[in-house]
Amino acid sequence: MDENILGLVAGGITSVAMLPQLLKILKEKDVEDLSLWMILALIIGLSLWVWYGVLKDELPIILSNGFAVLVNICLLISYFIYRKEK
């Protein structure tokens, strides 16, 4: 198997891992069980992976982590939209 295809498949699977969480939040409009710090850590870490992928010119790393950054930014936005003030 071509290593770029392997990287794209592996990255694609891990990148969509947060989609069920995002869809659940958008459906239920409830973020009570969502950790803000986890989302922020993921966005920072994934952004660093994108940067690494750019430096190494590795398209699978750039695409998969770039998509994951977008999903997690959507989670972050949803967190602030749907959080309940205490």
N, C-alpha and C. Protein backbone atom coordinates (compact mmCIF):
# COMPACT_ATOMS: atom_id res chain seq x y z
N MET A 1 0.84 -1.18 0.00
CA MET A 1 0.00 0.00 0.00
C MET A 1 0.89 1.24 0.00
N ASP A 2 0.52 2.22 -0.79
CA ASP A 2 1.24 3.49 -0.86
C ASP A 2 1.19 4.19 0.50
N GLU A 3 2.31 4.71 0.95
CA GLU A 3 2.36 5.34 2.28
C GLU A 3 1.49 6.59 2.38
N ASN A 4 1.32 7.33 1.28
CA ASN A 4 0.44 8.50 1.31
C ASN A 4 -1.03 8.09 1.47
N ILE A 5 -1.41 7.00 0.81
CA ILE A 5 -2.79 6.50 0.96
C ILE A 5 -3.00 6.04 2.40
N LEU A 6 -2.03 5.31 2.94
CA LEU A 6 -2.12 4.88 4.34
C LEU A 6 -2.26 6.08 5.27
N GLY A 7 -1.46 7.11 5.04
CA GLY A 7 -1.52 8.31 5.87
C GLY A 7 -2.86 9.01 5.74
N LEU A 8 -3.40 9.08 4.53
CA LEU A 8 -4.71 9.72 4.32
C LEU A 8 -5.83 8.93 4.99
N VAL A 9 -5.79 7.61 4.88
CA VAL A 9 -6.82 6.78 5.51
C VAL A 9 -6.74 6.90 7.04
N ALA A 10 -5.53 6.76 7.58
CA ALA A 10 -5.36 6.86 9.04
C ALA A 10 -5.76 8.24 9.53
N GLY A 11 -5.30 9.27 8.85
CA GLY A 11 -5.65 10.64 9.23
C GLY A 11 -7.13 10.92 9.09
N GLY A 12 -7.74 10.38 8.04
CA GLY A 12 -9.17 10.57 7.82
C GLY A 12 -10.00 9.96 8.94
N ILE A 13 -9.62 8.77 9.35
CA ILE A 13 -10.36 8.10 10.43
C ILE A 13 -10.24 8.88 11.74
N THR A 14 -9.04 9.29 12.09
CA THR A 14 -8.88 10.03 13.34
C THR A 14 -9.47 11.43 13.26
N SER A 15 -9.49 12.00 12.07
CA SER A 15 -10.04 13.35 11.90
C SER A 15 -11.54 13.41 12.08
N VAL A 16 -12.23 12.35 11.71
CA VAL A 16 -13.69 12.34 11.83
C VAL A 16 -14.14 11.85 13.21
N ALA A 17 -13.20 11.54 14.07
CA ALA A 17 -13.54 11.00 15.39
C ALA A 17 -14.40 11.94 16.21
N MET A 18 -14.24 13.24 16.05
CA MET A 18 -15.02 14.21 16.83
C MET A 18 -16.33 14.60 16.15
N LEU A 19 -16.55 14.16 14.92
CA LEU A 19 -17.79 14.50 14.24
C LEU A 19 -19.05 14.02 14.97
N PRO A 20 -19.09 12.79 15.49
CA PRO A 20 -20.29 12.38 16.23
C PRO A 20 -20.58 13.29 17.43
N GLN A 21 -19.52 13.74 18.10
CA GLN A 21 -19.70 14.66 19.24
C GLN A 21 -20.29 15.98 18.76
N LEU A 22 -19.75 16.51 17.67
CA LEU A 22 -20.24 17.77 17.12
C LEU A 22 -21.70 17.65 16.69
N LEU A 23 -22.03 16.57 16.01
CA LEU A 23 -23.41 16.38 15.56
C LEU A 23 -24.37 16.25 16.74
N LYS A 24 -23.94 15.56 17.79
CA LYS A 24 -24.77 15.41 18.99
C LYS A 24 -25.02 16.77 19.63
N ILE A 25 -23.99 17.58 19.72
CA ILE A 25 -24.13 18.92 20.31
C ILE A 25 -25.07 19.78 19.48
N LEU A 26 -24.90 19.75 18.16
CA LEU A 26 -25.75 20.55 17.30
C LEU A 26 -27.21 20.10 17.37
N LYS A 27 -27.42 18.80 17.54
CA LYS A 27 -28.78 18.26 17.63
C LYS A 27 -29.42 18.60 18.97
N GLU A 28 -28.68 18.39 20.06
CA GLU A 28 -29.23 18.56 21.41
C GLU A 28 -29.04 19.96 21.99
N LYS A 29 -28.14 20.74 21.38
CA LYS A 29 -27.83 22.09 21.87
C LYS A 29 -27.43 22.07 23.35
N ASP A 30 -26.61 21.09 23.69
CA ASP A 30 -26.16 20.92 25.07
C ASP A 30 -24.67 20.60 25.08
N VAL A 31 -23.89 21.43 25.78
CA VAL A 31 -22.44 21.22 25.86
C VAL A 31 -21.98 21.01 27.30
N GLU A 32 -22.90 20.66 28.18
CA GLU A 32 -22.58 20.53 29.60
C GLU A 32 -21.43 19.55 29.84
N ASP A 33 -21.39 18.46 29.10
CA ASP A 33 -20.35 17.44 29.31
C ASP A 33 -19.11 17.65 28.46
N LEU A 34 -19.03 18.75 27.78
CA LEU A 34 -17.89 19.03 26.91
C LEU A 34 -16.84 19.83 27.68
N SER A 35 -15.59 19.42 27.59
CA SER A 35 -14.51 20.10 28.30
C SER A 35 -13.88 21.17 27.40
N LEU A 36 -13.95 22.43 27.85
CA LEU A 36 -13.34 23.53 27.11
C LEU A 36 -11.84 23.32 26.96
N TRP A 37 -11.20 22.87 28.04
CA TRP A 37 -9.74 22.68 28.01
C TRP A 37 -9.32 21.57 27.06
N MET A 38 -10.14 20.53 26.93
CA MET A 38 -9.83 19.47 25.98
C MET A 38 -9.89 20.02 24.55
N ILE A 39 -10.92 20.80 24.27
CA ILE A 39 -11.06 21.36 22.92
C ILE A 39 -9.88 22.27 22.60
N LEU A 40 -9.52 23.14 23.55
CA LEU A 40 -8.40 24.05 23.33
C LEU A 40 -7.09 23.29 23.13
N ALA A 41 -6.87 22.26 23.94
CA ALA A 41 -5.65 21.45 23.79
C ALA A 41 -5.61 20.76 22.43
N LEU A 42 -6.76 20.23 21.99
CA LEU A 42 -6.81 19.58 20.68
C LEU A 42 -6.54 20.57 19.55
N ILE A 43 -7.14 21.75 19.62
CA ILE A 43 -6.92 22.75 18.58
C ILE A 43 -5.45 23.14 18.50
N ILE A 44 -4.83 23.36 19.65
CA ILE A 44 -3.41 23.73 19.67
C ILE A 44 -2.55 22.59 19.13
N GLY A 45 -2.77 21.37 19.64
CA GLY A 45 -1.97 20.22 19.19
C GLY A 45 -2.15 19.92 17.71
N LEU A 46 -3.38 19.94 17.25
CA LEU A 46 -3.65 19.67 15.84
C LEU A 46 -3.07 20.76 14.94
N SER A 47 -3.12 22.01 15.41
CA SER A 47 -2.54 23.11 14.64
C SER A 47 -1.03 22.94 14.51
N LEU A 48 -0.40 22.46 15.57
CA LEU A 48 1.04 22.19 15.51
C LEU A 48 1.34 21.05 14.52
N TRP A 49 0.46 20.05 14.47
CA TRP A 49 0.63 18.98 13.48
C TRP A 49 0.51 19.52 12.06
N VAL A 50 -0.42 20.45 11.85
CA VAL A 50 -0.54 21.06 10.51
C VAL A 50 0.75 21.79 10.17
N TRP A 51 1.26 22.55 11.10
CA TRP A 51 2.50 23.28 10.89
C TRP A 51 3.64 22.31 10.57
N TYR A 52 3.73 21.24 11.32
CA TYR A 52 4.73 20.20 11.07
C TYR A 52 4.57 19.62 9.66
N GLY A 53 3.33 19.34 9.29
CA GLY A 53 3.07 18.81 7.95
C GLY A 53 3.49 19.77 6.86
N VAL A 54 3.28 21.05 7.08
CA VAL A 54 3.71 22.06 6.11
C VAL A 54 5.24 22.07 6.01
N LEU A 55 5.90 22.06 7.16
CA LEU A 55 7.37 22.06 7.17
C LEU A 55 7.95 20.84 6.47
N LYS A 56 7.31 19.69 6.64
CA LYS A 56 7.78 18.44 6.03
C LYS A 56 7.17 18.18 4.66
N ASP A 57 6.26 19.06 4.22
CA ASP A 57 5.57 18.91 2.94
C ASP A 57 4.86 17.56 2.85
N GLU A 58 4.10 17.24 3.90
CA GLU A 58 3.38 15.97 4.00
C GLU A 58 1.88 16.24 3.91
N LEU A 59 1.32 16.05 2.73
CA LEU A 59 -0.08 16.35 2.48
C LEU A 59 -1.04 15.57 3.39
N PRO A 60 -0.82 14.28 3.64
CA PRO A 60 -1.75 13.57 4.53
C PRO A 60 -1.83 14.19 5.93
N ILE A 61 -0.70 14.64 6.46
CA ILE A 61 -0.68 15.26 7.78
C ILE A 61 -1.41 16.61 7.74
N ILE A 62 -1.16 17.38 6.71
CA ILE A 62 -1.79 18.70 6.57
C ILE A 62 -3.30 18.56 6.44
N LEU A 63 -3.76 17.70 5.55
CA LEU A 63 -5.19 17.58 5.28
C LEU A 63 -5.96 17.01 6.47
N SER A 64 -5.47 15.91 7.03
CA SER A 64 -6.22 15.27 8.11
C SER A 64 -6.26 16.14 9.35
N ASN A 65 -5.14 16.72 9.72
CA ASN A 65 -5.13 17.56 10.91
C ASN A 65 -5.79 18.90 10.67
N GLY A 66 -5.71 19.41 9.46
CA GLY A 66 -6.42 20.65 9.12
C GLY A 66 -7.92 20.46 9.26
N PHE A 67 -8.44 19.33 8.78
CA PHE A 67 -9.86 19.04 8.92
C PHE A 67 -10.24 18.91 10.40
N ALA A 68 -9.39 18.22 11.16
CA ALA A 68 -9.66 18.04 12.58
C ALA A 68 -9.66 19.38 13.31
N VAL A 69 -8.79 20.30 12.92
CA VAL A 69 -8.79 21.64 13.52
C VAL A 69 -10.13 22.32 13.26
N LEU A 70 -10.63 22.22 12.03
CA LEU A 70 -11.92 22.84 11.70
C LEU A 70 -13.07 22.25 12.52
N VAL A 71 -13.08 20.93 12.66
CA VAL A 71 -14.13 20.28 13.46
C VAL A 71 -14.07 20.77 14.91
N ASN A 72 -12.86 20.85 15.45
CA ASN A 72 -12.72 21.28 16.84
C ASN A 72 -13.00 22.76 17.03
N ILE A 73 -12.75 23.58 16.02
CA ILE A 73 -13.15 24.98 16.08
C ILE A 73 -14.67 25.08 16.10
N CYS A 74 -15.33 24.24 15.33
CA CYS A 74 -16.80 24.20 15.37
C CYS A 74 -17.29 23.79 16.74
N LEU A 75 -16.61 22.83 17.38
CA LEU A 75 -16.96 22.45 18.75
C LEU A 75 -16.76 23.62 19.71
N LEU A 76 -15.68 24.35 19.54
CA LEU A 76 -15.40 25.49 20.40
C LEU A 76 -16.48 26.56 20.25
N ILE A 77 -16.85 26.85 19.03
CA ILE A 77 -17.91 27.83 18.77
C ILE A 77 -19.22 27.35 19.39
N SER A 78 -19.53 26.07 19.20
CA SER A 78 -20.75 25.49 19.78
C SER A 78 -20.72 25.57 21.30
N TYR A 79 -19.56 25.37 21.87
CA TYR A 79 -19.42 25.45 23.33
C TYR A 79 -19.88 26.82 23.82
N PHE A 80 -19.43 27.87 23.17
CA PHE A 80 -19.79 29.22 23.61
C PHE A 80 -21.23 29.58 23.27
N ILE A 81 -21.76 29.03 22.20
CA ILE A 81 -23.16 29.31 21.83
C ILE A 81 -24.13 28.62 22.79
N TYR A 82 -23.87 27.36 23.13
CA TYR A 82 -24.85 26.55 23.87
C TYR A 82 -24.56 26.40 25.36
N ARG A 83 -23.47 26.95 25.86
CA ARG A 83 -23.20 26.78 27.29
C ARG A 83 -24.23 27.52 28.12
N LYS A 84 -24.52 26.98 29.26
CA LYS A 84 -25.48 27.59 30.17
C LYS A 84 -24.72 28.42 31.20
N GLU A 85 -25.11 29.65 31.33
CA GLU A 85 -24.48 30.53 32.31
C GLU A 85 -24.81 30.06 33.72
N LYS A 86 -23.80 30.04 34.57
CA LYS A 86 -24.01 29.60 35.96
C LYS A 86 -24.13 30.78 36.88
